[in-house]
Amino acid sequence: MDFFSEAINTLSVLVVAIGAGLGVWGIINLLEGYGNDNPGAKSQGIKQLMSGGGLILIGLNLIPLLSGLFG
């Protein structure tokens, strides 16, 4: 069962890292949209920022609950 716990920990870290990257990309797009007064870039940036935050929450809260399925 040690394999499953390590796999779940790795998956959690991976999902949080992808969410953080998406959030940073969203912040960059949001700032670019404000700098160029581009409503499309602002909209895309806020969507990416929110989805990145959602992925981080999934990685921190939901994925560790999978360990209960195997142990």
PDB file of N, CA and C in Angstrom:
ATOM      1  N   MET A   1       0.805  -1.196   0.000  1.00  0.00           N
ATOM      2  CA  MET A   1       0.000   0.000   0.000  1.00  0.00           C
ATOM      3  C   MET A   1       0.853   1.266   0.000  1.00  0.00           C
ATOM      4  N   ASP A   2       2.134   1.106   0.231  1.00  0.00           N
ATOM      5  CA  ASP A   2       3.015   2.265   0.215  1.00  0.00           C
ATOM      6  C   ASP A   2       3.097   2.869  -1.184  1.00  0.00           C
ATOM      7  N   PHE A   3       2.985   2.017  -2.195  1.00  0.00           N
ATOM      8  CA  PHE A   3       3.012   2.497  -3.570  1.00  0.00           C
ATOM      9  C   PHE A   3       1.849   3.441  -3.843  1.00  0.00           C
ATOM     10  N   PHE A   4       0.650   3.080  -3.367  1.00  0.00           N
ATOM     11  CA  PHE A   4      -0.526   3.908  -3.619  1.00  0.00           C
ATOM     12  C   PHE A   4      -0.439   5.249  -2.897  1.00  0.00           C
ATOM     13  N   SER A   5       0.081   5.249  -1.689  1.00  0.00           N
ATOM     14  CA  SER A   5       0.198   6.517  -0.974  1.00  0.00           C
ATOM     15  C   SER A   5       1.225   7.429  -1.637  1.00  0.00           C
ATOM     16  N   GLU A   6       2.313   6.853  -2.117  1.00  0.00           N
ATOM     17  CA  GLU A   6       3.298   7.661  -2.843  1.00  0.00           C
ATOM     18  C   GLU A   6       2.725   8.178  -4.157  1.00  0.00           C
ATOM     19  N   ALA A   7       1.946   7.344  -4.844  1.00  0.00           N
ATOM     20  CA  ALA A   7       1.330   7.767  -6.104  1.00  0.00           C
ATOM     21  C   ALA A   7       0.320   8.890  -5.859  1.00  0.00           C
ATOM     22  N   ILE A   8      -0.430   8.798  -4.782  1.00  0.00           N
ATOM     23  CA  ILE A   8      -1.407   9.838  -4.460  1.00  0.00           C
ATOM     24  C   ILE A   8      -0.699  11.136  -4.089  1.00  0.00           C
ATOM     25  N   ASN A   9       0.381  11.040  -3.339  1.00  0.00           N
ATOM     26  CA  ASN A   9       1.149  12.240  -2.998  1.00  0.00           C
ATOM     27  C   ASN A   9       1.742  12.893  -4.247  1.00  0.00           C
ATOM     28  N   THR A  10       2.269  12.075  -5.146  1.00  0.00           N
ATOM     29  CA  THR A  10       2.838  12.594  -6.385  1.00  0.00           C
ATOM     30  C   THR A  10       1.761  13.244  -7.246  1.00  0.00           C
ATOM     31  N   LEU A  11       0.605  12.607  -7.337  1.00  0.00           N
ATOM     32  CA  LEU A  11      -0.501  13.164  -8.111  1.00  0.00           C
ATOM     33  C   LEU A  11      -0.961  14.490  -7.522  1.00  0.00           C
ATOM     34  N   SER A  12      -1.030  14.560  -6.213  1.00  0.00           N
ATOM     35  CA  SER A  12      -1.434  15.795  -5.553  1.00  0.00           C
ATOM     36  C   SER A  12      -0.461  16.926  -5.849  1.00  0.00           C
ATOM     37  N   VAL A  13       0.822  16.648  -5.752  1.00  0.00           N
ATOM     38  CA  VAL A  13       1.839  17.668  -6.038  1.00  0.00           C
ATOM     39  C   VAL A  13       1.765  18.096  -7.495  1.00  0.00           C
ATOM     40  N   LEU A  14       1.551  17.147  -8.393  1.00  0.00           N
ATOM     41  CA  LEU A  14       1.460  17.464  -9.812  1.00  0.00           C
ATOM     42  C   LEU A  14       0.270  18.359 -10.116  1.00  0.00           C
ATOM     43  N   VAL A  15      -0.885  18.044  -9.544  1.00  0.00           N
ATOM     44  CA  VAL A  15      -2.086  18.841  -9.799  1.00  0.00           C
ATOM     45  C   VAL A  15      -1.929  20.252  -9.223  1.00  0.00           C
ATOM     46  N   VAL A  16      -1.341  20.354  -8.039  1.00  0.00           N
ATOM     47  CA  VAL A  16      -1.110  21.677  -7.449  1.00  0.00           C
ATOM     48  C   VAL A  16      -0.128  22.474  -8.307  1.00  0.00           C
ATOM     49  N   ALA A  17       0.908  21.838  -8.821  1.00  0.00           N
ATOM     50  CA  ALA A  17       1.879  22.541  -9.660  1.00  0.00           C
ATOM     51  C   ALA A  17       1.250  23.019 -10.971  1.00  0.00           C
ATOM     52  N   ILE A  18       0.414  22.195 -11.579  1.00  0.00           N
ATOM     53  CA  ILE A  18      -0.261  22.607 -12.806  1.00  0.00           C
ATOM     54  C   ILE A  18      -1.223  23.758 -12.519  1.00  0.00           C
ATOM     55  N   GLY A  19      -1.933  23.676 -11.401  1.00  0.00           N
ATOM     56  CA  GLY A  19      -2.835  24.760 -11.022  1.00  0.00           C
ATOM     57  C   GLY A  19      -2.089  26.059 -10.758  1.00  0.00           C
ATOM     58  N   ALA A  20      -0.937  25.977 -10.109  1.00  0.00           N
ATOM     59  CA  ALA A  20      -0.147  27.180  -9.843  1.00  0.00           C
ATOM     60  C   ALA A  20       0.365  27.783 -11.147  1.00  0.00           C
ATOM     61  N   GLY A  21       0.812  26.947 -12.059  1.00  0.00           N
ATOM     62  CA  GLY A  21       1.267  27.447 -13.350  1.00  0.00           C
ATOM     63  C   GLY A  21       0.152  28.124 -14.131  1.00  0.00           C
ATOM     64  N   LEU A  22      -1.025  27.520 -14.105  1.00  0.00           N
ATOM     65  CA  LEU A  22      -2.171  28.109 -14.788  1.00  0.00           C
ATOM     66  C   LEU A  22      -2.579  29.422 -14.134  1.00  0.00           C
ATOM     67  N   GLY A  23      -2.492  29.488 -12.812  1.00  0.00           N
ATOM     68  CA  GLY A  23      -2.814  30.731 -12.109  1.00  0.00           C
ATOM     69  C   GLY A  23      -1.838  31.844 -12.440  1.00  0.00           C
ATOM     70  N   VAL A  24      -0.560  31.521 -12.502  1.00  0.00           N
ATOM     71  CA  VAL A  24       0.452  32.526 -12.861  1.00  0.00           C
ATOM     72  C   VAL A  24       0.236  33.003 -14.289  1.00  0.00           C
ATOM     73  N   TRP A  25      -0.073  32.082 -15.187  1.00  0.00           N
ATOM     74  CA  TRP A  25      -0.343  32.444 -16.570  1.00  0.00           C
ATOM     75  C   TRP A  25      -1.574  33.355 -16.646  1.00  0.00           C
ATOM     76  N   GLY A  26      -2.572  33.059 -15.823  1.00  0.00           N
ATOM     77  CA  GLY A  26      -3.765  33.899 -15.777  1.00  0.00           C
ATOM     78  C   GLY A  26      -3.459  35.294 -15.275  1.00  0.00           C
ATOM     79  N   ILE A  27      -2.598  35.409 -14.267  1.00  0.00           N
ATOM     80  CA  ILE A  27      -2.217  36.732 -13.762  1.00  0.00           C
ATOM     81  C   ILE A  27      -1.493  37.518 -14.846  1.00  0.00           C
ATOM     82  N   ILE A  28      -0.619  36.848 -15.584  1.00  0.00           N
ATOM     83  CA  ILE A  28       0.103  37.534 -16.664  1.00  0.00           C
ATOM     84  C   ILE A  28      -0.873  38.029 -17.728  1.00  0.00           C
ATOM     85  N   ASN A  29      -1.831  37.195 -18.116  1.00  0.00           N
ATOM     86  CA  ASN A  29      -2.821  37.616 -19.114  1.00  0.00           C
ATOM     87  C   ASN A  29      -3.697  38.741 -18.582  1.00  0.00           C
ATOM     88  N   LEU A  30      -4.046  38.664 -17.303  1.00  0.00           N
ATOM     89  CA  LEU A  30      -4.877  39.705 -16.705  1.00  0.00           C
ATOM     90  C   LEU A  30      -4.144  41.040 -16.702  1.00  0.00           C
ATOM     91  N   LEU A  31      -2.886  41.044 -16.305  1.00  0.00           N
ATOM     92  CA  LEU A  31      -2.110  42.283 -16.293  1.00  0.00           C
ATOM     93  C   LEU A  31      -1.874  42.813 -17.708  1.00  0.00           C
ATOM     94  N   GLU A  32      -1.676  41.904 -18.645  1.00  0.00           N
ATOM     95  CA  GLU A  32      -1.523  42.324 -20.037  1.00  0.00           C
ATOM     96  C   GLU A  32      -2.812  42.958 -20.551  1.00  0.00           C
ATOM     97  N   GLY A  33      -3.936  42.391 -20.157  1.00  0.00           N
ATOM     98  CA  GLY A  33      -5.222  42.957 -20.575  1.00  0.00           C
ATOM     99  C   GLY A  33      -5.459  44.332 -19.998  1.00  0.00           C
ATOM    100  N   TYR A  34      -5.056  44.544 -18.744  1.00  0.00           N
ATOM    101  CA  TYR A  34      -5.188  45.873 -18.158  1.00  0.00           C
ATOM    102  C   TYR A  34      -4.206  46.858 -18.786  1.00  0.00           C
ATOM    103  N   GLY A  35      -3.018  46.399 -19.121  1.00  0.00           N
ATOM    104  CA  GLY A  35      -2.019  47.281 -19.713  1.00  0.00           C
ATOM    105  C   GLY A  35      -2.403  47.745 -21.099  1.00  0.00           C
ATOM    106  N   ASN A  36      -2.984  46.852 -21.894  1.00  0.00           N
ATOM    107  CA  ASN A  36      -3.357  47.185 -23.272  1.00  0.00           C
ATOM    108  C   ASN A  36      -4.822  47.568 -23.397  1.00  0.00           C
ATOM    109  N   ASP A  37      -5.548  47.613 -22.282  1.00  0.00           N
ATOM    110  CA  ASP A  37      -6.985  47.895 -22.276  1.00  0.00           C
ATOM    111  C   ASP A  37      -7.726  46.944 -23.220  1.00  0.00           C
ATOM    112  N   ASN A  38      -7.432  45.649 -23.040  1.00  0.00           N
ATOM    113  CA  ASN A  38      -8.003  44.610 -23.887  1.00  0.00           C
ATOM    114  C   ASN A  38      -8.958  43.764 -23.047  1.00  0.00           C
ATOM    115  N   PRO A  39     -10.266  43.919 -23.253  1.00  0.00           N
ATOM    116  CA  PRO A  39     -11.209  43.165 -22.423  1.00  0.00           C
ATOM    117  C   PRO A  39     -11.148  41.651 -22.654  1.00  0.00           C
ATOM    118  N   GLY A  40     -10.739  41.228 -23.852  1.00  0.00           N
ATOM    119  CA  GLY A  40     -10.624  39.795 -24.125  1.00  0.00           C
ATOM    120  C   GLY A  40      -9.523  39.151 -23.305  1.00  0.00           C
ATOM    121  N   ALA A  41      -8.382  39.824 -23.222  1.00  0.00           N
ATOM    122  CA  ALA A  41      -7.271  39.291 -22.435  1.00  0.00           C
ATOM    123  C   ALA A  41      -7.599  39.315 -20.948  1.00  0.00           C
ATOM    124  N   LYS A  42      -8.333  40.348 -20.499  1.00  0.00           N
ATOM    125  CA  LYS A  42      -8.734  40.397 -19.087  1.00  0.00           C
ATOM    126  C   LYS A  42      -9.660  39.232 -18.758  1.00  0.00           C
ATOM    127  N   SER A  43     -10.612  38.959 -19.640  1.00  0.00           N
ATOM    128  CA  SER A  43     -11.559  37.866 -19.420  1.00  0.00           C
ATOM    129  C   SER A  43     -10.831  36.516 -19.395  1.00  0.00           C
ATOM    130  N   GLN A  44      -9.942  36.310 -20.348  1.00  0.00           N
ATOM    131  CA  GLN A  44      -9.188  35.063 -20.393  1.00  0.00           C
ATOM    132  C   GLN A  44      -8.307  34.927 -19.162  1.00  0.00           C
ATOM    133  N   GLY A  45      -7.696  36.016 -18.735  1.00  0.00           N
ATOM    134  CA  GLY A  45      -6.825  35.978 -17.569  1.00  0.00           C
ATOM    135  C   GLY A  45      -7.575  35.617 -16.299  1.00  0.00           C
ATOM    136  N   ILE A  46      -8.754  36.186 -16.097  1.00  0.00           N
ATOM    137  CA  ILE A  46      -9.504  35.882 -14.879  1.00  0.00           C
ATOM    138  C   ILE A  46     -10.017  34.444 -14.904  1.00  0.00           C
ATOM    139  N   LYS A  47     -10.364  33.950 -16.086  1.00  0.00           N
ATOM    140  CA  LYS A  47     -10.797  32.551 -16.198  1.00  0.00           C
ATOM    141  C   LYS A  47      -9.646  31.598 -15.874  1.00  0.00           C
ATOM    142  N   GLN A  48      -8.452  31.904 -16.382  1.00  0.00           N
ATOM    143  CA  GLN A  48      -7.297  31.057 -16.105  1.00  0.00           C
ATOM    144  C   GLN A  48      -6.913  31.126 -14.628  1.00  0.00           C
ATOM    145  N   LEU A  49      -7.009  32.304 -14.049  1.00  0.00           N
ATOM    146  CA  LEU A  49      -6.687  32.460 -12.632  1.00  0.00           C
ATOM    147  C   LEU A  49      -7.645  31.653 -11.763  1.00  0.00           C
ATOM    148  N   MET A  50      -8.930  31.709 -12.066  1.00  0.00           N
ATOM    149  CA  MET A  50      -9.916  30.968 -11.284  1.00  0.00           C
ATOM    150  C   MET A  50      -9.779  29.458 -11.483  1.00  0.00           C
ATOM    151  N   SER A  51      -9.511  29.021 -12.699  1.00  0.00           N
ATOM    152  CA  SER A  51      -9.356  27.582 -12.916  1.00  0.00           C
ATOM    153  C   SER A  51      -8.079  27.065 -12.261  1.00  0.00           C
ATOM    154  N   GLY A  52      -7.037  27.875 -12.248  1.00  0.00           N
ATOM    155  CA  GLY A  52      -5.819  27.486 -11.540  1.00  0.00           C
ATOM    156  C   GLY A  52      -6.060  27.348 -10.049  1.00  0.00           C
ATOM    157  N   GLY A  53      -6.815  28.284  -9.486  1.00  0.00           N
ATOM    158  CA  GLY A  53      -7.175  28.180  -8.067  1.00  0.00           C
ATOM    159  C   GLY A  53      -8.016  26.955  -7.783  1.00  0.00           C
ATOM    160  N   GLY A  54      -8.916  26.627  -8.699  1.00  0.00           N
ATOM    161  CA  GLY A  54      -9.720  25.419  -8.534  1.00  0.00           C
ATOM    162  C   GLY A  54      -8.888  24.159  -8.564  1.00  0.00           C
ATOM    163  N   LEU A  55      -7.914  24.112  -9.457  1.00  0.00           N
ATOM    164  CA  LEU A  55      -7.028  22.946  -9.511  1.00  0.00           C
ATOM    165  C   LEU A  55      -6.195  22.820  -8.238  1.00  0.00           C
ATOM    166  N   ILE A  56      -5.757  23.943  -7.706  1.00  0.00           N
ATOM    167  CA  ILE A  56      -4.992  23.897  -6.456  1.00  0.00           C
ATOM    168  C   ILE A  56      -5.863  23.348  -5.333  1.00  0.00           C
ATOM    169  N   LEU A  57      -7.112  23.794  -5.260  1.00  0.00           N
ATOM    170  CA  LEU A  57      -8.013  23.282  -4.224  1.00  0.00           C
ATOM    171  C   LEU A  57      -8.274  21.786  -4.394  1.00  0.00           C
ATOM    172  N   ILE A  58      -8.430  21.341  -5.631  1.00  0.00           N
ATOM    173  CA  ILE A  58      -8.629  19.911  -5.880  1.00  0.00           C
ATOM    174  C   ILE A  58      -7.398  19.129  -5.446  1.00  0.00           C
ATOM    175  N   GLY A  59      -6.221  19.643  -5.786  1.00  0.00           N
ATOM    176  CA  GLY A  59      -4.985  18.952  -5.422  1.00  0.00           C
ATOM    177  C   GLY A  59      -4.758  18.886  -3.930  1.00  0.00           C
ATOM    178  N   LEU A  60      -5.192  19.913  -3.205  1.00  0.00           N
ATOM    179  CA  LEU A  60      -4.964  19.939  -1.763  1.00  0.00           C
ATOM    180  C   LEU A  60      -6.050  19.233  -0.957  1.00  0.00           C
ATOM    181  N   ASN A  61      -7.288  19.240  -1.445  1.00  0.00           N
ATOM    182  CA  ASN A  61      -8.400  18.719  -0.653  1.00  0.00           C
ATOM    183  C   ASN A  61      -8.971  17.401  -1.159  1.00  0.00           C
ATOM    184  N   LEU A  62      -9.139  17.270  -2.454  1.00  0.00           N
ATOM    185  CA  LEU A  62      -9.855  16.112  -2.985  1.00  0.00           C
ATOM    186  C   LEU A  62      -8.948  14.904  -3.228  1.00  0.00           C
ATOM    187  N   ILE A  63      -7.792  15.117  -3.793  1.00  0.00           N
ATOM    188  CA  ILE A  63      -6.911  14.000  -4.138  1.00  0.00           C
ATOM    189  C   ILE A  63      -6.417  13.245  -2.896  1.00  0.00           C
ATOM    190  N   PRO A  64      -6.067  13.925  -1.796  1.00  0.00           N
ATOM    191  CA  PRO A  64      -5.671  13.147  -0.609  1.00  0.00           C
ATOM    192  C   PRO A  64      -6.778  12.243  -0.060  1.00  0.00           C
ATOM    193  N   LEU A  65      -8.029  12.523  -0.387  1.00  0.00           N
ATOM    194  CA  LEU A  65      -9.118  11.643   0.056  1.00  0.00           C
ATOM    195  C   LEU A  65      -9.083  10.285  -0.655  1.00  0.00           C
ATOM    196  N   LEU A  66      -8.362  10.213  -1.773  1.00  0.00           N
ATOM    197  CA  LEU A  66      -8.241   8.939  -2.476  1.00  0.00           C
ATOM    198  C   LEU A  66      -7.475   7.885  -1.655  1.00  0.00           C
ATOM    199  N   SER A  67      -6.673   8.336  -0.719  1.00  0.00           N
ATOM    200  CA  SER A  67      -5.915   7.386   0.084  1.00  0.00           C
ATOM    201  C   SER A  67      -6.850   6.524   0.924  1.00  0.00           C
ATOM    202  N   GLY A  68      -8.030   7.005   1.243  1.00  0.00           N
ATOM    203  CA  GLY A  68      -9.015   6.208   1.976  1.00  0.00           C
ATOM    204  C   GLY A  68      -9.563   5.049   1.180  1.00  0.00           C
ATOM    205  N   LEU A  69      -9.462   5.114  -0.145  1.00  0.00           N
ATOM    206  CA  LEU A  69      -9.962   4.028  -0.980  1.00  0.00           C
ATOM    207  C   LEU A  69      -9.041   2.804  -0.942  1.00  0.00           C
ATOM    208  N   PHE A  70      -7.758   3.031  -0.683  1.00  0.00           N
ATOM    209  CA  PHE A  70      -6.790   1.945  -0.757  1.00  0.00           C
ATOM    210  C   PHE A  70      -6.246   1.518   0.603  1.00  0.00           C
ATOM    211  N   GLY A  71      -6.634   2.179   1.634  1.00  0.00           N
ATOM    212  CA  GLY A  71      -6.022   1.798   2.897  1.00  0.00           C
ATOM    213  C   GLY A  71      -6.947   1.972   4.015  1.00  0.00           C
TER     214      GLY A  71
END
